[in-house]
Protein backbone atom coordinates (compact mmCIF):
# COMPACT_ATOMS: atom_id res chain seq x y z
CA MET A 1 87.21 111.15 98.04
CA GLU A 2 86.41 113.01 94.88
CA LYS A 3 83.37 112.29 92.76
CA ASP A 4 83.65 109.61 90.04
CA TRP A 5 86.35 107.56 91.78
CA ILE A 6 86.04 103.77 91.70
CA ASN A 7 87.74 100.83 93.36
CA ILE A 8 89.82 99.28 90.59
CA TYR A 9 91.75 96.65 92.57
CA SER A 10 91.70 95.02 96.01
CA SER A 11 94.29 92.80 97.62
CA THR A 12 95.76 91.74 100.93
CA ASP A 13 99.28 92.06 99.48
CA PRO A 14 100.65 95.58 100.07
CA VAL A 15 103.60 94.99 97.73
CA LYS A 16 101.34 94.17 94.80
CA ILE A 17 99.24 97.27 95.48
CA GLU A 18 102.40 99.42 95.47
CA ILE A 19 103.57 97.87 92.19
CA ILE A 20 100.21 98.53 90.54
CA GLN A 21 100.08 102.07 91.90
CA HIS A 22 103.58 102.75 90.57
CA VAL A 23 102.73 101.44 87.09
CA LEU A 24 99.55 103.51 87.03
CA SER A 25 101.46 106.64 88.02
CA GLU A 26 103.90 106.03 85.15
CA LYS A 27 100.86 106.06 82.86
CA LYS A 28 99.73 109.38 84.43
CA ILE A 29 96.77 107.71 86.18
CA ARG A 30 96.18 109.16 89.64
CA SER A 31 95.33 106.61 92.30
CA VAL A 32 94.60 106.48 96.01
CA VAL A 33 95.31 103.57 98.34
CA ILE A 34 92.82 102.92 101.12
CA ASN A 35 94.16 100.37 103.58
CA GLN A 36 91.32 98.67 105.43
CA GLN A 37 93.45 95.93 106.96
CA ASP A 38 93.30 95.42 110.69
CA SER A 39 96.54 96.81 112.13
CA SER A 40 96.88 93.92 114.58
CA TYR A 41 95.81 91.05 112.33
CA LEU A 42 96.84 91.73 108.74
CA MET A 43 94.88 88.71 107.56
CA PHE A 44 91.62 90.64 108.09
CA GLY A 45 90.57 93.29 105.61
CA THR A 46 91.84 94.45 102.24
CA ILE A 47 93.83 97.22 100.66
CA ASN A 48 91.84 99.02 97.96
CA LEU A 49 93.18 101.01 95.03
CA HIS A 50 90.89 103.73 93.70
CA ILE A 51 91.14 105.65 90.42
CA ASN A 52 88.99 108.11 88.50
CA SER A 53 86.41 106.23 86.45
CA LYS A 54 87.56 107.92 83.23
CA ASP A 55 90.86 105.98 83.49
CA LYS A 56 89.21 102.59 84.03
CA GLU A 57 89.98 100.95 80.65
CA GLU A 58 93.65 101.90 80.60
CA ALA A 59 94.09 100.91 84.26
CA LEU A 60 92.47 97.51 83.74
CA LYS A 61 94.83 96.78 80.82
CA ALA A 62 97.84 97.72 82.96
CA ILE A 63 96.62 95.61 85.89
CA GLU A 64 96.01 92.62 83.62
CA LYS A 65 99.57 92.87 82.32
CA ILE A 66 100.96 93.11 85.86
CA ASN A 67 98.92 90.08 86.97
CA ASP A 68 100.32 88.07 84.06
CA GLU A 69 103.88 88.93 85.12
CA TYR A 70 103.55 88.85 88.92
């Protein structure tokens, strides 16, 4: 992972992660999904969404809006 990347969101819901990643990409914010869920037992572990720290404020606003609607 590149320098200055931060975990901006974590969830166990892969659909929500995909929605957030799509919205961020529409805003020209690059993101990376790191799935740390156990492949046998999806109830263990999380899916993490990472972005460059310079995009933090804009990403948090977008995520807040998504959380209000989802």
